[in-house]
N, C-alpha and C. Protein backbone atom coordinates (compact mmCIF):
# COMPACT_ATOMS: atom_id res chain seq x y z
N MET A 1 61.61 -161.38 -53.16
CA MET A 1 61.10 -160.10 -53.65
C MET A 1 61.09 -159.09 -52.51
N MET A 2 61.58 -157.86 -52.79
CA MET A 2 61.62 -156.84 -51.75
C MET A 2 60.20 -156.39 -51.44
N THR A 3 59.90 -156.17 -50.18
CA THR A 3 58.62 -155.62 -49.80
C THR A 3 58.59 -154.14 -50.14
N ARG A 4 57.38 -153.57 -50.14
CA ARG A 4 57.26 -152.15 -50.42
C ARG A 4 58.03 -151.34 -49.40
N LEU A 5 57.99 -151.75 -48.11
CA LEU A 5 58.72 -151.02 -47.07
C LEU A 5 60.21 -151.09 -47.32
N SER A 6 60.71 -152.27 -47.70
CA SER A 6 62.14 -152.41 -47.96
C SER A 6 62.57 -151.52 -49.12
N THR A 7 61.73 -151.45 -50.14
CA THR A 7 62.04 -150.61 -51.29
C THR A 7 62.12 -149.15 -50.90
N ARG A 8 61.17 -148.70 -50.05
CA ARG A 8 61.16 -147.32 -49.63
C ARG A 8 62.36 -147.00 -48.75
N LEU A 9 62.78 -147.95 -47.93
CA LEU A 9 63.93 -147.74 -47.08
C LEU A 9 65.23 -147.69 -47.88
N ALA A 10 65.27 -148.45 -48.97
CA ALA A 10 66.48 -148.50 -49.78
C ALA A 10 66.64 -147.28 -50.66
N LEU A 11 65.52 -146.61 -51.00
CA LEU A 11 65.57 -145.49 -51.94
C LEU A 11 66.46 -144.36 -51.47
N PRO A 12 66.35 -143.90 -50.20
CA PRO A 12 67.25 -142.81 -49.78
C PRO A 12 68.72 -143.15 -49.90
N ALA A 13 69.08 -144.41 -49.59
CA ALA A 13 70.48 -144.81 -49.68
C ALA A 13 70.97 -144.77 -51.13
N VAL A 14 70.12 -145.22 -52.04
CA VAL A 14 70.48 -145.19 -53.46
C VAL A 14 70.65 -143.76 -53.94
N LEU A 15 69.71 -142.89 -53.56
CA LEU A 15 69.79 -141.49 -53.96
C LEU A 15 71.01 -140.81 -53.38
N ALA A 16 71.34 -141.14 -52.13
CA ALA A 16 72.53 -140.55 -51.51
C ALA A 16 73.78 -140.97 -52.25
N ALA A 17 73.84 -142.24 -52.66
CA ALA A 17 75.01 -142.72 -53.39
C ALA A 17 75.12 -142.02 -54.75
N LEU A 18 73.99 -141.86 -55.43
CA LEU A 18 74.00 -141.19 -56.73
C LEU A 18 74.42 -139.73 -56.58
N LEU A 19 73.93 -139.06 -55.53
CA LEU A 19 74.31 -137.67 -55.30
C LEU A 19 75.80 -137.56 -55.03
N ALA A 20 76.33 -138.50 -54.24
CA ALA A 20 77.77 -138.48 -53.95
C ALA A 20 78.59 -138.62 -55.22
N LEU A 21 78.18 -139.51 -56.11
CA LEU A 21 78.90 -139.69 -57.36
C LEU A 21 78.81 -138.45 -58.23
N LEU A 22 77.62 -137.81 -58.26
CA LEU A 22 77.46 -136.60 -59.05
C LEU A 22 78.34 -135.49 -58.52
N LEU A 23 78.42 -135.36 -57.20
CA LEU A 23 79.25 -134.32 -56.60
C LEU A 23 80.72 -134.53 -56.93
N VAL A 24 81.17 -135.77 -56.86
CA VAL A 24 82.57 -136.07 -57.21
C VAL A 24 82.84 -135.67 -58.65
N TRP A 25 81.92 -136.02 -59.53
CA TRP A 25 82.09 -135.68 -60.96
C TRP A 25 82.12 -134.17 -61.16
N LEU A 26 81.21 -133.45 -60.49
CA LEU A 26 81.15 -132.01 -60.64
C LEU A 26 82.43 -131.33 -60.17
N VAL A 27 82.96 -131.81 -59.04
CA VAL A 27 84.11 -131.16 -58.44
C VAL A 27 85.40 -131.48 -59.16
N TRP A 28 85.56 -132.75 -59.60
CA TRP A 28 86.85 -133.19 -60.10
C TRP A 28 86.92 -133.38 -61.62
N VAL A 29 85.79 -133.54 -62.28
CA VAL A 29 85.82 -133.90 -63.70
C VAL A 29 85.19 -132.84 -64.58
N TRP A 30 84.00 -132.40 -64.24
CA TRP A 30 83.18 -131.62 -65.17
C TRP A 30 83.76 -130.24 -65.42
N GLN A 31 83.73 -129.80 -66.65
CA GLN A 31 84.12 -128.44 -67.03
C GLN A 31 82.93 -127.81 -67.73
N PRO A 32 82.26 -126.83 -67.10
CA PRO A 32 81.04 -126.27 -67.67
C PRO A 32 81.30 -125.45 -68.92
N GLY A 33 80.32 -125.46 -69.83
CA GLY A 33 80.41 -124.64 -71.02
C GLY A 33 79.98 -123.21 -70.71
N ALA A 34 80.00 -122.38 -71.71
CA ALA A 34 79.63 -120.99 -71.51
C ALA A 34 78.14 -120.86 -71.24
N VAL A 35 77.77 -119.86 -70.47
CA VAL A 35 76.37 -119.61 -70.18
C VAL A 35 75.64 -119.32 -71.49
N GLY A 36 74.47 -119.97 -71.65
CA GLY A 36 73.68 -119.74 -72.84
C GLY A 36 73.85 -120.81 -73.90
N GLU A 37 74.82 -121.71 -73.74
CA GLU A 37 74.96 -122.80 -74.70
C GLU A 37 73.82 -123.80 -74.51
N ALA A 38 73.53 -124.56 -75.55
CA ALA A 38 72.50 -125.58 -75.46
C ALA A 38 72.96 -126.71 -74.57
N ASP A 39 72.03 -127.25 -73.78
CA ASP A 39 72.32 -128.40 -72.92
C ASP A 39 71.75 -129.66 -73.54
N GLY A 40 71.76 -129.76 -74.84
CA GLY A 40 71.19 -130.92 -75.50
C GLY A 40 70.33 -130.44 -76.66
N VAL A 41 69.92 -131.37 -77.48
CA VAL A 41 69.19 -131.01 -78.68
C VAL A 41 67.81 -130.45 -78.36
N THR A 42 67.14 -130.99 -77.33
CA THR A 42 65.76 -130.60 -77.07
C THR A 42 65.59 -129.84 -75.77
N HIS A 43 66.63 -129.66 -75.00
CA HIS A 43 66.50 -128.99 -73.70
C HIS A 43 67.52 -127.87 -73.63
N ARG A 44 67.04 -126.64 -73.64
CA ARG A 44 67.95 -125.51 -73.73
C ARG A 44 67.89 -124.64 -72.47
N ARG A 45 69.03 -124.08 -72.17
CA ARG A 45 69.16 -123.15 -71.06
C ARG A 45 68.92 -121.75 -71.59
N LEU A 46 67.94 -121.06 -71.06
CA LEU A 46 67.57 -119.74 -71.54
C LEU A 46 68.33 -118.65 -70.80
N ASP A 47 68.41 -117.49 -71.43
CA ASP A 47 68.98 -116.33 -70.77
C ASP A 47 67.87 -115.67 -69.94
N LEU A 48 68.22 -114.65 -69.19
CA LEU A 48 67.23 -113.93 -68.40
C LEU A 48 66.18 -113.30 -69.31
N ALA A 49 64.94 -113.28 -68.81
CA ALA A 49 63.86 -112.65 -69.56
C ALA A 49 63.83 -111.15 -69.35
N GLY A 50 64.48 -110.68 -68.30
CA GLY A 50 64.51 -109.26 -68.00
C GLY A 50 65.46 -109.01 -66.85
N GLU A 51 65.64 -107.76 -66.50
CA GLU A 51 66.54 -107.39 -65.41
C GLU A 51 65.94 -107.84 -64.07
N PRO A 52 66.67 -108.65 -63.29
CA PRO A 52 66.14 -109.07 -61.98
C PRO A 52 66.06 -107.88 -61.03
N THR A 53 64.92 -107.69 -60.42
CA THR A 53 64.76 -106.62 -59.44
C THR A 53 64.56 -107.18 -58.04
N GLY A 54 64.14 -108.44 -57.95
CA GLY A 54 63.90 -109.05 -56.65
C GLY A 54 62.55 -108.64 -56.09
N GLY A 55 62.32 -109.02 -54.86
CA GLY A 55 61.06 -108.68 -54.21
C GLY A 55 60.36 -109.91 -53.67
N ASP A 56 59.37 -109.65 -52.84
CA ASP A 56 58.67 -110.73 -52.15
C ASP A 56 57.68 -111.44 -53.08
N PHE A 57 57.34 -112.65 -52.73
CA PHE A 57 56.30 -113.41 -53.42
C PHE A 57 55.76 -114.43 -52.44
N ARG A 58 54.63 -115.00 -52.76
CA ARG A 58 54.02 -116.03 -51.92
C ARG A 58 53.57 -117.19 -52.81
N LEU A 59 54.09 -118.39 -52.52
CA LEU A 59 53.71 -119.59 -53.25
C LEU A 59 53.35 -120.68 -52.24
N MET A 60 53.20 -121.91 -52.71
CA MET A 60 52.74 -122.98 -51.83
C MET A 60 53.82 -124.04 -51.66
N GLY A 61 54.08 -124.42 -50.41
CA GLY A 61 54.93 -125.55 -50.09
C GLY A 61 54.10 -126.68 -49.54
N VAL A 62 54.74 -127.75 -49.16
CA VAL A 62 54.00 -128.92 -48.68
C VAL A 62 53.26 -128.63 -47.38
N ASP A 63 53.72 -127.65 -46.61
CA ASP A 63 53.07 -127.33 -45.34
C ASP A 63 52.21 -126.07 -45.41
N GLY A 64 52.00 -125.56 -46.63
CA GLY A 64 51.15 -124.39 -46.76
C GLY A 64 51.85 -123.24 -47.45
N PRO A 65 51.27 -122.04 -47.36
CA PRO A 65 51.85 -120.87 -48.05
C PRO A 65 53.27 -120.56 -47.56
N VAL A 66 54.10 -120.14 -48.51
CA VAL A 66 55.48 -119.76 -48.21
C VAL A 66 55.75 -118.43 -48.88
N ALA A 67 56.23 -117.47 -48.10
CA ALA A 67 56.62 -116.17 -48.64
C ALA A 67 58.13 -116.02 -48.50
N LEU A 68 58.74 -115.32 -49.43
CA LEU A 68 60.17 -115.06 -49.32
C LEU A 68 60.46 -114.30 -48.03
N SER A 69 59.57 -113.41 -47.65
CA SER A 69 59.77 -112.61 -46.44
C SER A 69 59.75 -113.44 -45.16
N ASP A 70 59.28 -114.68 -45.24
CA ASP A 70 59.32 -115.57 -44.07
C ASP A 70 60.75 -115.84 -43.62
N PHE A 71 61.73 -115.59 -44.51
CA PHE A 71 63.11 -115.97 -44.23
C PHE A 71 64.01 -114.76 -44.00
N ARG A 72 63.42 -113.63 -43.61
CA ARG A 72 64.24 -112.48 -43.25
C ARG A 72 65.16 -112.88 -42.10
N GLY A 73 66.40 -112.43 -42.20
CA GLY A 73 67.40 -112.83 -41.22
C GLY A 73 68.28 -113.95 -41.72
N LYS A 74 67.88 -114.57 -42.85
CA LYS A 74 68.69 -115.62 -43.47
C LYS A 74 69.10 -115.19 -44.87
N VAL A 75 70.19 -115.77 -45.35
CA VAL A 75 70.54 -115.65 -46.76
C VAL A 75 69.71 -116.69 -47.52
N VAL A 76 69.06 -116.26 -48.58
CA VAL A 76 68.22 -117.17 -49.37
C VAL A 76 68.86 -117.39 -50.74
N LEU A 77 68.94 -118.65 -51.14
CA LEU A 77 69.33 -119.02 -52.50
C LEU A 77 68.06 -119.45 -53.22
N LEU A 78 67.69 -118.69 -54.24
CA LEU A 78 66.44 -118.91 -54.96
C LEU A 78 66.75 -119.46 -56.34
N TYR A 79 66.05 -120.55 -56.71
CA TYR A 79 66.30 -121.18 -58.01
C TYR A 79 64.98 -121.58 -58.64
N PHE A 80 64.82 -121.29 -59.94
CA PHE A 80 63.61 -121.65 -60.69
C PHE A 80 63.93 -122.83 -61.60
N GLY A 81 63.16 -123.91 -61.49
CA GLY A 81 63.38 -125.09 -62.32
C GLY A 81 62.17 -126.00 -62.26
N TYR A 82 62.38 -127.29 -62.46
CA TYR A 82 61.27 -128.24 -62.34
C TYR A 82 61.82 -129.64 -62.10
N THR A 83 61.02 -130.50 -61.50
CA THR A 83 61.53 -131.78 -61.02
C THR A 83 61.88 -132.76 -62.13
N ALA A 84 61.26 -132.63 -63.31
CA ALA A 84 61.56 -133.54 -64.41
C ALA A 84 62.73 -133.05 -65.25
N CYS A 85 63.37 -131.98 -64.85
CA CYS A 85 64.52 -131.45 -65.58
C CYS A 85 65.62 -132.51 -65.66
N PRO A 86 66.08 -132.86 -66.86
CA PRO A 86 67.02 -133.97 -66.98
C PRO A 86 68.47 -133.63 -66.67
N ASP A 87 68.85 -132.35 -66.67
CA ASP A 87 70.28 -132.06 -66.55
C ASP A 87 70.59 -130.75 -65.85
N ILE A 88 69.94 -129.67 -66.24
CA ILE A 88 70.30 -128.35 -65.74
C ILE A 88 70.06 -128.23 -64.24
N CYS A 89 68.85 -128.56 -63.80
CA CYS A 89 68.52 -128.45 -62.37
C CYS A 89 69.38 -129.38 -61.51
N PRO A 90 69.53 -130.65 -61.86
CA PRO A 90 70.38 -131.51 -61.04
C PRO A 90 71.81 -130.99 -60.89
N THR A 91 72.35 -130.41 -61.97
CA THR A 91 73.71 -129.86 -61.89
C THR A 91 73.78 -128.74 -60.87
N ASN A 92 72.88 -127.77 -60.99
CA ASN A 92 72.91 -126.62 -60.09
C ASN A 92 72.60 -126.99 -58.65
N LEU A 93 71.61 -127.84 -58.45
CA LEU A 93 71.23 -128.21 -57.09
C LEU A 93 72.32 -129.03 -56.41
N ALA A 94 73.01 -129.86 -57.19
CA ALA A 94 74.13 -130.63 -56.62
C ALA A 94 75.26 -129.71 -56.18
N ILE A 95 75.55 -128.69 -57.00
CA ILE A 95 76.60 -127.74 -56.65
C ILE A 95 76.21 -126.96 -55.39
N ILE A 96 74.96 -126.51 -55.33
CA ILE A 96 74.49 -125.78 -54.15
C ILE A 96 74.59 -126.66 -52.91
N ALA A 97 74.15 -127.91 -53.03
CA ALA A 97 74.22 -128.83 -51.89
C ALA A 97 75.65 -129.03 -51.43
N TYR A 98 76.56 -129.16 -52.38
CA TYR A 98 77.97 -129.35 -52.03
C TYR A 98 78.53 -128.11 -51.33
N ALA A 99 78.19 -126.92 -51.85
CA ALA A 99 78.67 -125.68 -51.24
C ALA A 99 78.19 -125.56 -49.80
N LEU A 100 76.95 -125.92 -49.56
CA LEU A 100 76.40 -125.81 -48.21
C LEU A 100 77.05 -126.81 -47.25
N LYS A 101 77.45 -127.95 -47.77
CA LYS A 101 78.11 -128.94 -46.92
C LYS A 101 79.47 -128.45 -46.43
N GLN A 102 80.03 -127.47 -47.12
CA GLN A 102 81.34 -126.94 -46.71
C GLN A 102 81.22 -125.87 -45.63
N LEU A 103 80.01 -125.43 -45.33
CA LEU A 103 79.81 -124.42 -44.31
C LEU A 103 79.80 -125.06 -42.92
N ALA A 104 80.18 -124.27 -41.93
CA ALA A 104 80.05 -124.71 -40.54
C ALA A 104 78.56 -124.81 -40.20
N PRO A 105 78.19 -125.65 -39.22
CA PRO A 105 76.76 -125.80 -38.89
C PRO A 105 76.05 -124.48 -38.60
N ALA A 106 76.71 -123.57 -37.89
CA ALA A 106 76.08 -122.28 -37.59
C ALA A 106 75.87 -121.48 -38.87
N GLU A 107 76.81 -121.56 -39.80
CA GLU A 107 76.66 -120.87 -41.08
C GLU A 107 75.53 -121.51 -41.88
N ARG A 108 75.51 -122.81 -41.92
CA ARG A 108 74.49 -123.52 -42.70
C ARG A 108 73.09 -123.17 -42.20
N ALA A 109 72.95 -122.98 -40.90
CA ALA A 109 71.64 -122.64 -40.34
C ALA A 109 71.16 -121.27 -40.79
N GLY A 110 72.07 -120.44 -41.29
CA GLY A 110 71.70 -119.11 -41.74
C GLY A 110 71.37 -119.02 -43.20
N VAL A 111 71.25 -120.16 -43.90
CA VAL A 111 70.98 -120.17 -45.34
C VAL A 111 69.74 -121.00 -45.62
N GLN A 112 68.86 -120.50 -46.46
CA GLN A 112 67.68 -121.24 -46.89
C GLN A 112 67.67 -121.32 -48.41
N VAL A 113 67.52 -122.52 -48.94
CA VAL A 113 67.39 -122.73 -50.39
C VAL A 113 65.91 -122.89 -50.72
N ILE A 114 65.43 -122.12 -51.71
CA ILE A 114 64.05 -122.23 -52.18
C ILE A 114 64.07 -122.60 -53.66
N PHE A 115 63.46 -123.73 -53.98
CA PHE A 115 63.36 -124.21 -55.35
C PHE A 115 61.93 -123.96 -55.83
N VAL A 116 61.79 -123.07 -56.82
CA VAL A 116 60.46 -122.73 -57.36
C VAL A 116 60.23 -123.52 -58.64
N SER A 117 59.18 -124.34 -58.66
CA SER A 117 58.89 -125.09 -59.88
C SER A 117 58.12 -124.23 -60.86
N VAL A 118 58.61 -124.22 -62.11
CA VAL A 118 57.93 -123.52 -63.19
C VAL A 118 57.07 -124.49 -63.99
N ASP A 119 56.81 -125.65 -63.40
CA ASP A 119 55.98 -126.68 -64.03
C ASP A 119 54.87 -127.09 -63.05
N PRO A 120 54.01 -126.15 -62.67
CA PRO A 120 53.01 -126.46 -61.64
C PRO A 120 52.01 -127.53 -62.06
N ALA A 121 51.86 -127.78 -63.36
CA ALA A 121 50.93 -128.81 -63.80
C ALA A 121 51.36 -130.19 -63.34
N ARG A 122 52.66 -130.41 -63.21
CA ARG A 122 53.16 -131.73 -62.78
C ARG A 122 53.76 -131.71 -61.38
N ASP A 123 54.24 -130.56 -60.95
CA ASP A 123 54.95 -130.49 -59.67
C ASP A 123 54.03 -129.94 -58.58
N ASP A 124 53.33 -130.85 -57.90
CA ASP A 124 52.54 -130.40 -56.76
C ASP A 124 53.46 -130.31 -55.53
N PRO A 125 53.01 -129.73 -54.42
CA PRO A 125 53.87 -129.56 -53.25
C PRO A 125 54.45 -130.86 -52.71
N ASP A 126 53.70 -131.94 -52.74
CA ASP A 126 54.23 -133.21 -52.24
C ASP A 126 55.40 -133.70 -53.09
N ARG A 127 55.24 -133.62 -54.40
CA ARG A 127 56.33 -134.03 -55.29
C ARG A 127 57.55 -133.14 -55.09
N LEU A 128 57.31 -131.85 -54.93
CA LEU A 128 58.42 -130.93 -54.74
C LEU A 128 59.16 -131.19 -53.43
N ALA A 129 58.41 -131.50 -52.38
CA ALA A 129 59.04 -131.78 -51.09
C ALA A 129 59.96 -132.99 -51.19
N GLU A 130 59.49 -134.02 -51.88
CA GLU A 130 60.30 -135.22 -52.05
C GLU A 130 61.55 -134.93 -52.89
N TYR A 131 61.36 -134.18 -53.95
CA TYR A 131 62.48 -133.86 -54.84
C TYR A 131 63.53 -133.00 -54.13
N ALA A 132 63.08 -131.97 -53.44
CA ALA A 132 64.01 -131.08 -52.75
C ALA A 132 64.82 -131.83 -51.71
N ALA A 133 64.18 -132.76 -51.02
CA ALA A 133 64.87 -133.52 -49.97
C ALA A 133 65.94 -134.44 -50.53
N TYR A 134 65.85 -134.81 -51.81
CA TYR A 134 66.91 -135.61 -52.41
C TYR A 134 68.26 -134.90 -52.30
N TRP A 135 68.22 -133.55 -52.44
CA TRP A 135 69.45 -132.78 -52.45
C TRP A 135 69.88 -132.38 -51.05
N ASP A 136 68.92 -131.99 -50.25
CA ASP A 136 69.20 -131.60 -48.87
C ASP A 136 67.87 -131.55 -48.13
N PRO A 137 67.78 -132.13 -46.93
CA PRO A 137 66.51 -132.13 -46.20
C PRO A 137 65.96 -130.74 -45.91
N ALA A 138 66.85 -129.74 -45.89
CA ALA A 138 66.40 -128.39 -45.57
C ALA A 138 65.99 -127.59 -46.80
N PHE A 139 66.21 -128.11 -48.00
CA PHE A 139 65.77 -127.41 -49.21
C PHE A 139 64.24 -127.35 -49.20
N LEU A 140 63.70 -126.25 -49.70
CA LEU A 140 62.26 -126.05 -49.71
C LEU A 140 61.78 -125.93 -51.15
N GLY A 141 60.81 -126.76 -51.53
CA GLY A 141 60.23 -126.70 -52.86
C GLY A 141 58.87 -126.04 -52.82
N VAL A 142 58.62 -125.09 -53.73
CA VAL A 142 57.35 -124.37 -53.76
C VAL A 142 56.88 -124.19 -55.19
N THR A 143 55.59 -123.98 -55.36
CA THR A 143 55.01 -123.66 -56.65
C THR A 143 53.67 -123.00 -56.40
N GLY A 144 52.86 -122.86 -57.42
CA GLY A 144 51.56 -122.21 -57.26
C GLY A 144 50.81 -122.26 -58.56
N THR A 145 49.83 -121.40 -58.71
CA THR A 145 49.13 -121.32 -59.98
C THR A 145 50.10 -120.82 -61.04
N ALA A 146 49.74 -121.05 -62.28
CA ALA A 146 50.60 -120.58 -63.37
C ALA A 146 50.82 -119.07 -63.27
N ALA A 147 49.78 -118.34 -62.89
CA ALA A 147 49.90 -116.88 -62.78
C ALA A 147 50.81 -116.48 -61.63
N ALA A 148 50.70 -117.18 -60.50
CA ALA A 148 51.53 -116.86 -59.34
C ALA A 148 53.00 -117.16 -59.61
N VAL A 149 53.27 -118.28 -60.28
CA VAL A 149 54.65 -118.63 -60.62
C VAL A 149 55.22 -117.60 -61.59
N ALA A 150 54.42 -117.21 -62.58
CA ALA A 150 54.88 -116.23 -63.57
C ALA A 150 55.18 -114.89 -62.91
N ALA A 151 54.38 -114.49 -61.94
CA ALA A 151 54.60 -113.22 -61.25
C ALA A 151 55.91 -113.26 -60.46
N ALA A 152 56.17 -114.37 -59.77
CA ALA A 152 57.43 -114.50 -59.03
C ALA A 152 58.62 -114.51 -59.99
N ALA A 153 58.47 -115.23 -61.10
CA ALA A 153 59.56 -115.32 -62.08
C ALA A 153 59.89 -113.95 -62.66
N ARG A 154 58.88 -113.13 -62.91
CA ARG A 154 59.13 -111.80 -63.48
C ARG A 154 59.98 -110.94 -62.55
N ARG A 155 59.79 -111.07 -61.27
CA ARG A 155 60.57 -110.28 -60.31
C ARG A 155 62.07 -110.59 -60.43
N TYR A 156 62.37 -111.80 -60.86
CA TYR A 156 63.77 -112.23 -60.91
C TYR A 156 64.27 -112.45 -62.34
N GLY A 157 63.47 -112.07 -63.31
CA GLY A 157 63.88 -112.20 -64.70
C GLY A 157 64.00 -113.64 -65.16
N ALA A 158 63.42 -114.57 -64.41
CA ALA A 158 63.53 -115.99 -64.76
C ALA A 158 62.69 -116.29 -66.00
N ALA A 159 63.29 -116.98 -66.95
CA ALA A 159 62.62 -117.30 -68.21
C ALA A 159 62.32 -118.80 -68.28
N TYR A 160 61.19 -119.14 -68.88
CA TYR A 160 60.86 -120.56 -69.09
C TYR A 160 59.81 -120.68 -70.18
N ARG A 161 59.80 -121.83 -70.86
CA ARG A 161 58.82 -122.07 -71.91
C ARG A 161 58.63 -123.57 -72.08
N ILE A 162 57.42 -123.96 -72.40
CA ILE A 162 57.08 -125.36 -72.64
C ILE A 162 57.57 -125.77 -74.02
N VAL A 163 58.21 -126.94 -74.09
CA VAL A 163 58.66 -127.50 -75.36
C VAL A 163 58.01 -128.88 -75.51
N GLU A 164 57.08 -128.98 -76.44
CA GLU A 164 56.38 -130.24 -76.65
C GLU A 164 57.33 -131.33 -77.14
N GLN A 165 57.15 -132.54 -76.60
CA GLN A 165 57.97 -133.70 -76.99
C GLN A 165 57.03 -134.85 -77.33
N SER A 166 56.50 -134.83 -78.54
CA SER A 166 55.49 -135.82 -78.92
C SER A 166 56.02 -137.24 -78.93
N ASP A 167 57.35 -137.39 -79.08
CA ASP A 167 57.93 -138.73 -79.14
C ASP A 167 58.44 -139.19 -77.77
N SER A 168 58.09 -138.45 -76.72
CA SER A 168 58.56 -138.78 -75.38
C SER A 168 57.38 -139.08 -74.47
N ALA A 169 57.60 -140.03 -73.54
CA ALA A 169 56.56 -140.36 -72.57
C ALA A 169 56.30 -139.19 -71.64
N MET A 170 57.26 -138.28 -71.49
CA MET A 170 57.09 -137.13 -70.61
C MET A 170 56.09 -136.13 -71.18
N GLY A 171 55.92 -136.11 -72.51
CA GLY A 171 54.98 -135.19 -73.13
C GLY A 171 55.59 -133.85 -73.45
N TYR A 172 56.33 -133.26 -72.51
CA TYR A 172 56.99 -131.98 -72.77
C TYR A 172 58.14 -131.77 -71.80
N LEU A 173 59.07 -130.93 -72.22
CA LEU A 173 60.13 -130.43 -71.36
C LEU A 173 59.88 -128.95 -71.12
N VAL A 174 60.63 -128.38 -70.20
CA VAL A 174 60.53 -126.95 -69.95
C VAL A 174 61.93 -126.36 -70.09
N ASP A 175 62.16 -125.62 -71.20
CA ASP A 175 63.39 -124.85 -71.30
C ASP A 175 63.32 -123.75 -70.25
N HIS A 176 64.42 -123.49 -69.57
CA HIS A 176 64.36 -122.44 -68.54
C HIS A 176 65.74 -121.85 -68.30
N SER A 177 65.75 -120.65 -67.73
CA SER A 177 67.00 -120.04 -67.32
C SER A 177 67.52 -120.78 -66.09
N ALA A 178 68.80 -120.59 -65.79
CA ALA A 178 69.42 -121.43 -64.75
C ALA A 178 70.29 -120.59 -63.82
N PHE A 179 69.74 -119.48 -63.37
CA PHE A 179 70.48 -118.60 -62.48
C PHE A 179 70.09 -118.86 -61.03
N THR A 180 71.06 -118.71 -60.15
CA THR A 180 70.80 -118.80 -58.72
C THR A 180 70.79 -117.38 -58.18
N TYR A 181 69.69 -117.01 -57.56
CA TYR A 181 69.53 -115.66 -57.02
C TYR A 181 69.89 -115.67 -55.54
N VAL A 182 70.77 -114.76 -55.16
CA VAL A 182 71.24 -114.68 -53.78
C VAL A 182 70.59 -113.47 -53.12
N ILE A 183 69.86 -113.70 -52.05
CA ILE A 183 69.10 -112.66 -51.37
C ILE A 183 69.62 -112.53 -49.94
N ASP A 184 69.97 -111.34 -49.56
CA ASP A 184 70.61 -111.15 -48.26
C ASP A 184 69.59 -111.20 -47.12
N PRO A 185 70.03 -111.17 -45.87
CA PRO A 185 69.10 -111.29 -44.74
C PRO A 185 68.05 -110.19 -44.66
N ASN A 186 68.26 -109.08 -45.37
CA ASN A 186 67.27 -108.01 -45.40
C ASN A 186 66.24 -108.19 -46.50
N GLY A 187 66.38 -109.25 -47.29
CA GLY A 187 65.44 -109.50 -48.38
C GLY A 187 65.82 -108.85 -49.68
N THR A 188 67.05 -108.34 -49.79
CA THR A 188 67.51 -107.65 -50.99
C THR A 188 68.28 -108.59 -51.91
N LEU A 189 67.95 -108.59 -53.18
CA LEU A 189 68.69 -109.37 -54.16
C LEU A 189 70.08 -108.76 -54.32
N VAL A 190 71.12 -109.54 -54.04
CA VAL A 190 72.48 -109.00 -54.08
C VAL A 190 73.35 -109.65 -55.15
N ALA A 191 72.92 -110.79 -55.70
CA ALA A 191 73.72 -111.45 -56.74
C ALA A 191 72.84 -112.35 -57.58
N THR A 192 73.15 -112.41 -58.87
CA THR A 192 72.51 -113.34 -59.79
C THR A 192 73.62 -114.18 -60.39
N LEU A 193 73.73 -115.42 -59.92
CA LEU A 193 74.86 -116.28 -60.29
C LEU A 193 74.51 -117.13 -61.50
N PRO A 194 75.42 -117.24 -62.46
CA PRO A 194 75.14 -118.04 -63.67
C PRO A 194 75.15 -119.53 -63.39
N HIS A 195 74.67 -120.25 -64.37
CA HIS A 195 74.63 -121.71 -64.33
C HIS A 195 75.97 -122.30 -63.91
N ALA A 196 75.92 -123.22 -62.95
CA ALA A 196 77.09 -123.99 -62.52
C ALA A 196 78.20 -123.11 -61.95
N THR A 197 77.83 -122.04 -61.26
CA THR A 197 78.84 -121.28 -60.52
C THR A 197 79.53 -122.23 -59.56
N PRO A 198 80.87 -122.25 -59.53
CA PRO A 198 81.58 -123.22 -58.68
C PRO A 198 81.18 -123.15 -57.21
N ALA A 199 81.18 -124.29 -56.57
CA ALA A 199 80.78 -124.38 -55.17
C ALA A 199 81.66 -123.51 -54.29
N ALA A 200 82.96 -123.44 -54.58
CA ALA A 200 83.88 -122.63 -53.77
C ALA A 200 83.50 -121.16 -53.85
N GLU A 201 83.14 -120.69 -55.04
CA GLU A 201 82.74 -119.29 -55.22
C GLU A 201 81.44 -118.99 -54.48
N LEU A 202 80.49 -119.90 -54.59
CA LEU A 202 79.22 -119.73 -53.89
C LEU A 202 79.43 -119.74 -52.38
N GLY A 203 80.23 -120.67 -51.89
CA GLY A 203 80.48 -120.75 -50.46
C GLY A 203 81.14 -119.49 -49.92
N ALA A 204 82.09 -118.93 -50.67
CA ALA A 204 82.76 -117.70 -50.23
C ALA A 204 81.78 -116.54 -50.14
N LEU A 205 80.89 -116.43 -51.12
CA LEU A 205 79.88 -115.38 -51.10
C LEU A 205 78.95 -115.53 -49.91
N LEU A 206 78.52 -116.75 -49.64
CA LEU A 206 77.63 -117.00 -48.50
C LEU A 206 78.31 -116.60 -47.19
N ARG A 207 79.56 -116.94 -47.05
CA ARG A 207 80.28 -116.59 -45.81
C ARG A 207 80.38 -115.08 -45.63
N ARG A 208 80.61 -114.36 -46.71
CA ARG A 208 80.69 -112.90 -46.62
C ARG A 208 79.36 -112.30 -46.19
N LEU A 209 78.28 -112.79 -46.77
CA LEU A 209 76.96 -112.26 -46.42
C LEU A 209 76.57 -112.62 -44.99
N LEU A 210 76.91 -113.84 -44.58
CA LEU A 210 76.58 -114.26 -43.21
C LEU A 210 77.39 -113.46 -42.20
N ALA A 211 78.64 -113.15 -42.54
CA ALA A 211 79.49 -112.38 -41.63
C ALA A 211 78.93 -110.96 -41.46
N LYS A 212 78.37 -110.38 -42.53
CA LYS A 212 77.81 -109.04 -42.43
C LYS A 212 76.60 -109.02 -41.51
N GLY A 213 75.90 -110.16 -41.44
CA GLY A 213 74.70 -110.20 -40.62
C GLY A 213 74.95 -110.45 -39.15
N ASP A 214 76.20 -110.77 -38.79
CA ASP A 214 76.52 -111.04 -37.37
C ASP A 214 76.48 -109.77 -36.53
């Protein structure tokens, strides 16, 4: 029988292998549907709730308060989702992780990914830190009170709603929009990318923004 320590040591290797397989599938096999199509019978991808205007916000990470303005000088990729998301979030986060792996180390150091959970009832900062690290150790997971999350989401037009699942052990899912918000080193929202924007397209945009900041 594996000891608890052995199990914990084996988990990162298993997750890394699963991520590698998902990336291969995304790059070579998967063909995304149109934005706004259903991602399953009970889990839907929503459109924007309003026009994204951008702006600063302050939420909580595993090491304390986190503000978007803390990352001035870097390009920020902002994404709203939740850790129990069965399909939409893993797809987007895997693509983002793959795009970042194609950057040179100096370029990669100039990009920060922030994952905002819209499910604060289940996603505390510790859970978010563990989840974000599955995709990349530098990804940052944050959340806050329901009111604080809603205020941040409104700035970016992010939509989400609770969907009760009485026949599921999870209790509920969260339908949500699936846009990646690109914020330049000055803190200005410069792009709102749709679900599953190809890694090559994302990488090219990041390089252009990083070059402007040199």
